């Protein structure tokens, strides 16, 4: 009887462990996707800022010529 309870508990423990591991892996994958998206968005924003600052420098240079 004690062995049966221990075996049942052990099986439940393994089942719960597998579920927790799968959930942990899924959470990590979702976080990885979010981090990649945020980095891409940030890089695009930085590129736009660089382009706008270059454009404003060109405008200032042309004003100085006139």
PDB file of N, CA and C in Angstrom:
ATOM      1  N   UNK A   1       0.830  -1.192   0.000  1.00  0.00           N
ATOM      2  CA  UNK A   1       0.000   0.000   0.000  1.00  0.00           C
ATOM      3  C   UNK A   1       0.876   1.259   0.000  1.00  0.00           C
ATOM      4  N   UNK A   2       1.899   1.257   0.822  1.00  0.00           N
ATOM      5  CA  UNK A   2       2.786   2.425   0.865  1.00  0.00           C
ATOM      6  C   UNK A   2       3.504   2.576  -0.473  1.00  0.00           C
ATOM      7  N   UNK A   3       3.939   1.446  -1.050  1.00  0.00           N
ATOM      8  CA  UNK A   3       4.612   1.513  -2.358  1.00  0.00           C
ATOM      9  C   UNK A   3       3.667   2.029  -3.445  1.00  0.00           C
ATOM     10  N   UNK A   4       2.410   1.616  -3.406  1.00  0.00           N
ATOM     11  CA  UNK A   4       1.450   2.075  -4.411  1.00  0.00           C
ATOM     12  C   UNK A   4       1.247   3.591  -4.310  1.00  0.00           C
ATOM     13  N   UNK A   5       1.120   4.091  -3.088  1.00  0.00           N
ATOM     14  CA  UNK A   5       0.950   5.540  -2.912  1.00  0.00           C
ATOM     15  C   UNK A   5       2.194   6.282  -3.403  1.00  0.00           C
ATOM     16  N   UNK A   6       3.359   5.740  -3.064  1.00  0.00           N
ATOM     17  CA  UNK A   6       4.599   6.392  -3.487  1.00  0.00           C
ATOM     18  C   UNK A   6       4.705   6.392  -5.012  1.00  0.00           C
ATOM     19  N   UNK A   7       4.348   5.277  -5.645  1.00  0.00           N
ATOM     20  CA  UNK A   7       4.404   5.177  -7.108  1.00  0.00           C
ATOM     21  C   UNK A   7       3.429   6.158  -7.752  1.00  0.00           C
ATOM     22  N   UNK A   8       2.238   6.253  -7.215  1.00  0.00           N
ATOM     23  CA  UNK A   8       1.249   7.184  -7.742  1.00  0.00           C
ATOM     24  C   UNK A   8       1.729   8.628  -7.576  1.00  0.00           C
ATOM     25  N   UNK A   9       2.268   8.953  -6.419  1.00  0.00           N
ATOM     26  CA  UNK A   9       2.779  10.295  -6.181  1.00  0.00           C
ATOM     27  C   UNK A   9       3.933  10.603  -7.128  1.00  0.00           C
ATOM     28  N   UNK A  10       4.795   9.618  -7.335  1.00  0.00           N
ATOM     29  CA  UNK A  10       5.941   9.794  -8.216  1.00  0.00           C
ATOM     30  C   UNK A  10       5.474  10.047  -9.650  1.00  0.00           C
ATOM     31  N   UNK A  11       4.445   9.331 -10.109  1.00  0.00           N
ATOM     32  CA  UNK A  11       3.919   9.530 -11.458  1.00  0.00           C
ATOM     33  C   UNK A  11       3.307  10.926 -11.591  1.00  0.00           C
ATOM     34  N   UNK A  12       2.562  11.359 -10.587  1.00  0.00           N
ATOM     35  CA  UNK A  12       1.988  12.699 -10.609  1.00  0.00           C
ATOM     36  C   UNK A  12       3.079  13.767 -10.618  1.00  0.00           C
ATOM     37  N   UNK A  13       4.116  13.528  -9.867  1.00  0.00           N
ATOM     38  CA  UNK A  13       5.226  14.465  -9.792  1.00  0.00           C
ATOM     39  C   UNK A  13       5.912  14.594 -11.158  1.00  0.00           C
ATOM     40  N   UNK A  14       6.138  13.457 -11.819  1.00  0.00           N
ATOM     41  CA  UNK A  14       6.754  13.493 -13.149  1.00  0.00           C
ATOM     42  C   UNK A  14       5.869  14.218 -14.144  1.00  0.00           C
ATOM     43  N   UNK A  15       4.573  13.987 -14.073  1.00  0.00           N
ATOM     44  CA  UNK A  15       3.622  14.623 -14.968  1.00  0.00           C
ATOM     45  C   UNK A  15       3.636  16.141 -14.769  1.00  0.00           C
ATOM     46  N   UNK A  16       3.611  16.555 -13.494  1.00  0.00           N
ATOM     47  CA  UNK A  16       3.637  17.984 -13.197  1.00  0.00           C
ATOM     48  C   UNK A  16       4.970  18.614 -13.622  1.00  0.00           C
ATOM     49  N   UNK A  17       6.046  17.879 -13.447  1.00  0.00           N
ATOM     50  CA  UNK A  17       7.354  18.386 -13.851  1.00  0.00           C
ATOM     51  C   UNK A  17       7.402  18.612 -15.351  1.00  0.00           C
ATOM     52  N   UNK A  18       6.882  17.670 -16.124  1.00  0.00           N
ATOM     53  CA  UNK A  18       6.863  17.827 -17.581  1.00  0.00           C
ATOM     54  C   UNK A  18       6.031  19.041 -17.978  1.00  0.00           C
ATOM     55  N   UNK A  19       4.870  19.197 -17.360  1.00  0.00           N
ATOM     56  CA  UNK A  19       4.012  20.348 -17.690  1.00  0.00           C
ATOM     57  C   UNK A  19       4.733  21.653 -17.356  1.00  0.00           C
ATOM     58  N   UNK A  20       5.374  21.711 -16.212  1.00  0.00           N
ATOM     59  CA  UNK A  20       6.081  22.933 -15.818  1.00  0.00           C
ATOM     60  C   UNK A  20       7.231  23.236 -16.779  1.00  0.00           C
ATOM     61  N   UNK A  21       7.958  22.209 -17.180  1.00  0.00           N
ATOM     62  CA  UNK A  21       9.052  22.423 -18.125  1.00  0.00           C
ATOM     63  C   UNK A  21       8.539  22.924 -19.469  1.00  0.00           C
ATOM     64  N   UNK A  22       7.469  22.324 -19.965  1.00  0.00           N
ATOM     65  CA  UNK A  22       6.906  22.775 -21.239  1.00  0.00           C
ATOM     66  C   UNK A  22       6.419  24.219 -21.135  1.00  0.00           C
ATOM     67  N   UNK A  23       5.777  24.558 -20.037  1.00  0.00           N
ATOM     68  CA  UNK A  23       5.298  25.941 -19.861  1.00  0.00           C
ATOM     69  C   UNK A  23       6.473  26.907 -19.783  1.00  0.00           C
ATOM     70  N   UNK A  24       7.524  26.515 -19.097  1.00  0.00           N
ATOM     71  CA  UNK A  24       8.713  27.356 -18.983  1.00  0.00           C
ATOM     72  C   UNK A  24       9.336  27.591 -20.361  1.00  0.00           C
ATOM     73  N   UNK A  25       9.423  26.529 -21.169  1.00  0.00           N
ATOM     74  CA  UNK A  25       9.984  26.659 -22.516  1.00  0.00           C
ATOM     75  C   UNK A  25       9.115  27.584 -23.368  1.00  0.00           C
ATOM     76  N   UNK A  26       7.802  27.440 -23.274  1.00  0.00           N
ATOM     77  CA  UNK A  26       6.901  28.301 -24.045  1.00  0.00           C
ATOM     78  C   UNK A  26       7.066  29.757 -23.614  1.00  0.00           C
ATOM     79  N   UNK A  27       7.165  30.006 -22.315  1.00  0.00           N
ATOM     80  CA  UNK A  27       7.341  31.373 -21.819  1.00  0.00           C
ATOM     81  C   UNK A  27       8.650  31.955 -22.341  1.00  0.00           C
ATOM     82  N   UNK A  28       9.718  31.151 -22.332  1.00  0.00           N
ATOM     83  CA  UNK A  28      10.996  31.643 -22.848  1.00  0.00           C
ATOM     84  C   UNK A  28      10.910  31.984 -24.331  1.00  0.00           C
ATOM     85  N   UNK A  29      10.219  31.158 -25.108  1.00  0.00           N
ATOM     86  CA  UNK A  29      10.087  31.430 -26.539  1.00  0.00           C
ATOM     87  C   UNK A  29       9.283  32.711 -26.778  1.00  0.00           C
ATOM     88  N   UNK A  30       8.221  32.912 -26.013  1.00  0.00           N
ATOM     89  CA  UNK A  30       7.424  34.133 -26.163  1.00  0.00           C
ATOM     90  C   UNK A  30       8.265  35.359 -25.802  1.00  0.00           C
ATOM     91  N   UNK A  31       9.042  35.251 -24.716  1.00  0.00           N
ATOM     92  CA  UNK A  31       9.905  36.366 -24.335  1.00  0.00           C
ATOM     93  C   UNK A  31      10.937  36.656 -25.416  1.00  0.00           C
ATOM     94  N   UNK A  32      11.490  35.602 -26.005  1.00  0.00           N
ATOM     95  CA  UNK A  32      12.484  35.779 -27.065  1.00  0.00           C
ATOM     96  C   UNK A  32      11.872  36.517 -28.260  1.00  0.00           C
ATOM     97  N   UNK A  33      10.647  36.147 -28.623  1.00  0.00           N
ATOM     98  CA  UNK A  33       9.973  36.817 -29.741  1.00  0.00           C
ATOM     99  C   UNK A  33       9.748  38.288 -29.413  1.00  0.00           C
ATOM    100  N   UNK A  34       9.293  38.583 -28.187  1.00  0.00           N
ATOM    101  CA  UNK A  34       9.041  39.976 -27.802  1.00  0.00           C
ATOM    102  C   UNK A  34      10.331  40.783 -27.798  1.00  0.00           C
ATOM    103  N   UNK A  35      11.407  40.190 -27.295  1.00  0.00           N
ATOM    104  CA  UNK A  35      12.681  40.908 -27.246  1.00  0.00           C
ATOM    105  C   UNK A  35      13.174  41.205 -28.659  1.00  0.00           C
ATOM    106  N   UNK A  36      13.059  40.224 -29.552  1.00  0.00           N
ATOM    107  CA  UNK A  36      13.494  40.458 -30.942  1.00  0.00           C
ATOM    108  C   UNK A  36      12.662  41.554 -31.590  1.00  0.00           C
ATOM    109  N   UNK A  37      11.351  41.529 -31.387  1.00  0.00           N
ATOM    110  CA  UNK A  37      10.486  42.563 -31.965  1.00  0.00           C
ATOM    111  C   UNK A  37      10.848  43.947 -31.423  1.00  0.00           C
ATOM    112  N   UNK A  38      11.082  44.031 -30.111  1.00  0.00           N
ATOM    113  CA  UNK A  38      11.433  45.327 -29.516  1.00  0.00           C
ATOM    114  C   UNK A  38      12.760  45.836 -30.058  1.00  0.00           C
ATOM    115  N   UNK A  39      13.731  44.932 -30.246  1.00  0.00           N
ATOM    116  CA  UNK A  39      15.025  45.359 -30.780  1.00  0.00           C
ATOM    117  C   UNK A  39      14.886  45.837 -32.220  1.00  0.00           C
ATOM    118  N   UNK A  40      14.093  45.132 -33.019  1.00  0.00           N
ATOM    119  CA  UNK A  40      13.894  45.561 -34.404  1.00  0.00           C
ATOM    120  C   UNK A  40      13.202  46.927 -34.444  1.00  0.00           C
ATOM    121  N   UNK A  41      12.188  47.108 -33.601  1.00  0.00           N
ATOM    122  CA  UNK A  41      11.482  48.395 -33.552  1.00  0.00           C
ATOM    123  C   UNK A  41      12.434  49.502 -33.129  1.00  0.00           C
ATOM    124  N   UNK A  42      13.275  49.219 -32.143  1.00  0.00           N
ATOM    125  CA  UNK A  42      14.221  50.211 -31.653  1.00  0.00           C
ATOM    126  C   UNK A  42      15.242  50.569 -32.727  1.00  0.00           C
ATOM    127  N   UNK A  43      15.724  49.549 -33.451  1.00  0.00           N
ATOM    128  CA  UNK A  43      16.687  49.820 -34.523  1.00  0.00           C
ATOM    129  C   UNK A  43      16.064  50.666 -35.616  1.00  0.00           C
ATOM    130  N   UNK A  44      14.804  50.392 -35.967  1.00  0.00           N
ATOM    131  CA  UNK A  44      14.127  51.203 -36.984  1.00  0.00           C
ATOM    132  C   UNK A  44      13.971  52.639 -36.505  1.00  0.00           C
ATOM    133  N   UNK A  45      13.623  52.802 -35.228  1.00  0.00           N
ATOM    134  CA  UNK A  45      13.443  54.155 -34.673  1.00  0.00           C
ATOM    135  C   UNK A  45      14.776  54.910 -34.684  1.00  0.00           C
ATOM    136  N   UNK A  46      15.862  54.215 -34.349  1.00  0.00           N
ATOM    137  CA  UNK A  46      17.188  54.858 -34.363  1.00  0.00           C
ATOM    138  C   UNK A  46      17.571  55.246 -35.784  1.00  0.00           C
ATOM    139  N   UNK A  47      17.287  54.375 -36.757  1.00  0.00           N
ATOM    140  CA  UNK A  47      17.597  54.703 -38.149  1.00  0.00           C
ATOM    141  C   UNK A  47      16.806  55.924 -38.602  1.00  0.00           C
ATOM    142  N   UNK A  48      15.513  55.988 -38.227  1.00  0.00           N
ATOM    143  CA  UNK A  48      14.703  57.159 -38.591  1.00  0.00           C
ATOM    144  C   UNK A  48      15.263  58.423 -37.950  1.00  0.00           C
ATOM    145  N   UNK A  49      15.694  58.314 -36.697  1.00  0.00           N
ATOM    146  CA  UNK A  49      16.256  59.473 -36.009  1.00  0.00           C
ATOM    147  C   UNK A  49      17.548  59.913 -36.693  1.00  0.00           C
ATOM    148  N   UNK A  50      18.372  58.959 -37.111  1.00  0.00           N
ATOM    149  CA  UNK A  50      19.611  59.307 -37.806  1.00  0.00           C
ATOM    150  C   UNK A  50      19.321  59.998 -39.130  1.00  0.00           C
ATOM    151  N   UNK A  51      18.343  59.481 -39.859  1.00  0.00           N
ATOM    152  CA  UNK A  51      17.983  60.088 -41.149  1.00  0.00           C
ATOM    153  C   UNK A  51      17.465  61.500 -40.941  1.00  0.00           C
ATOM    154  N   UNK A  52      16.600  61.690 -39.941  1.00  0.00           N
ATOM    155  CA  UNK A  52      16.049  63.029 -39.708  1.00  0.00           C
ATOM    156  C   UNK A  52      17.143  63.998 -39.247  1.00  0.00           C
ATOM    157  N   UNK A  53      18.094  63.517 -38.443  1.00  0.00           N
ATOM    158  CA  UNK A  53      19.172  64.418 -38.005  1.00  0.00           C
ATOM    159  C   UNK A  53      20.088  64.754 -39.177  1.00  0.00           C
ATOM    160  N   UNK A  54      20.339  63.787 -40.058  1.00  0.00           N
ATOM    161  CA  UNK A  54      21.145  64.079 -41.259  1.00  0.00           C
ATOM    162  C   UNK A  54      20.424  65.086 -42.149  1.00  0.00           C
ATOM    163  N   UNK A  55      19.122  64.920 -42.289  1.00  0.00           N
ATOM    164  CA  UNK A  55      18.342  65.847 -43.109  1.00  0.00           C
ATOM    165  C   UNK A  55      18.395  67.261 -42.524  1.00  0.00           C
ATOM    166  N   UNK A  56      18.254  67.361 -41.201  1.00  0.00           N
ATOM    167  CA  UNK A  56      18.285  68.689 -40.578  1.00  0.00           C
ATOM    168  C   UNK A  56      19.677  69.315 -40.721  1.00  0.00           C
ATOM    169  N   UNK A  57      20.728  68.503 -40.682  1.00  0.00           N
ATOM    170  CA  UNK A  57      22.073  69.041 -40.899  1.00  0.00           C
ATOM    171  C   UNK A  57      22.217  69.580 -42.318  1.00  0.00           C
ATOM    172  N   UNK A  58      21.666  68.845 -43.293  1.00  0.00           N
ATOM    173  CA  UNK A  58      21.732  69.299 -44.682  1.00  0.00           C
ATOM    174  C   UNK A  58      20.968  70.617 -44.842  1.00  0.00           C
ATOM    175  N   UNK A  59      19.800  70.702 -44.223  1.00  0.00           N
ATOM    176  CA  UNK A  59      19.015  71.937 -44.297  1.00  0.00           C
ATOM    177  C   UNK A  59      19.790  73.105 -43.688  1.00  0.00           C
ATOM    178  N   UNK A  60      20.427  72.873 -42.530  1.00  0.00           N
ATOM    179  CA  UNK A  60      21.205  73.940 -41.897  1.00  0.00           C
ATOM    180  C   UNK A  60      22.382  74.356 -42.774  1.00  0.00           C
ATOM    181  N   UNK A  61      23.044  73.380 -43.400  1.00  0.00           N
ATOM    182  CA  UNK A  61      24.164  73.706 -44.275  1.00  0.00           C
ATOM    183  C   UNK A  61      23.696  74.547 -45.462  1.00  0.00           C
ATOM    184  N   UNK A  62      22.539  74.223 -46.031  1.00  0.00           N
ATOM    185  CA  UNK A  62      22.027  74.997 -47.167  1.00  0.00           C
ATOM    186  C   UNK A  62      21.656  76.413 -46.727  1.00  0.00           C
ATOM    187  N   UNK A  63      21.105  76.539 -45.521  1.00  0.00           N
ATOM    188  CA  UNK A  63      20.782  77.879 -45.031  1.00  0.00           C
ATOM    189  C   UNK A  63      22.051  78.701 -44.866  1.00  0.00           C
ATOM    190  N   UNK A  64      23.125  78.058 -44.440  1.00  0.00           N
ATOM    191  CA  UNK A  64      24.393  78.772 -44.270  1.00  0.00           C
ATOM    192  C   UNK A  64      24.950  79.223 -45.616  1.00  0.00           C
ATOM    193  N   UNK A  65      24.737  78.436 -46.672  1.00  0.00           N
ATOM    194  CA  UNK A  65      25.209  78.833 -47.998  1.00  0.00           C
ATOM    195  C   UNK A  65      24.461  80.050 -48.507  1.00  0.00           C
ATOM    196  N   UNK A  66      23.178  80.099 -48.194  1.00  0.00           N
ATOM    197  CA  UNK A  66      22.370  81.231 -48.681  1.00  0.00           C
ATOM    198  C   UNK A  66      22.687  82.438 -47.817  1.00  0.00           C
TER     199      UNK A  66
END
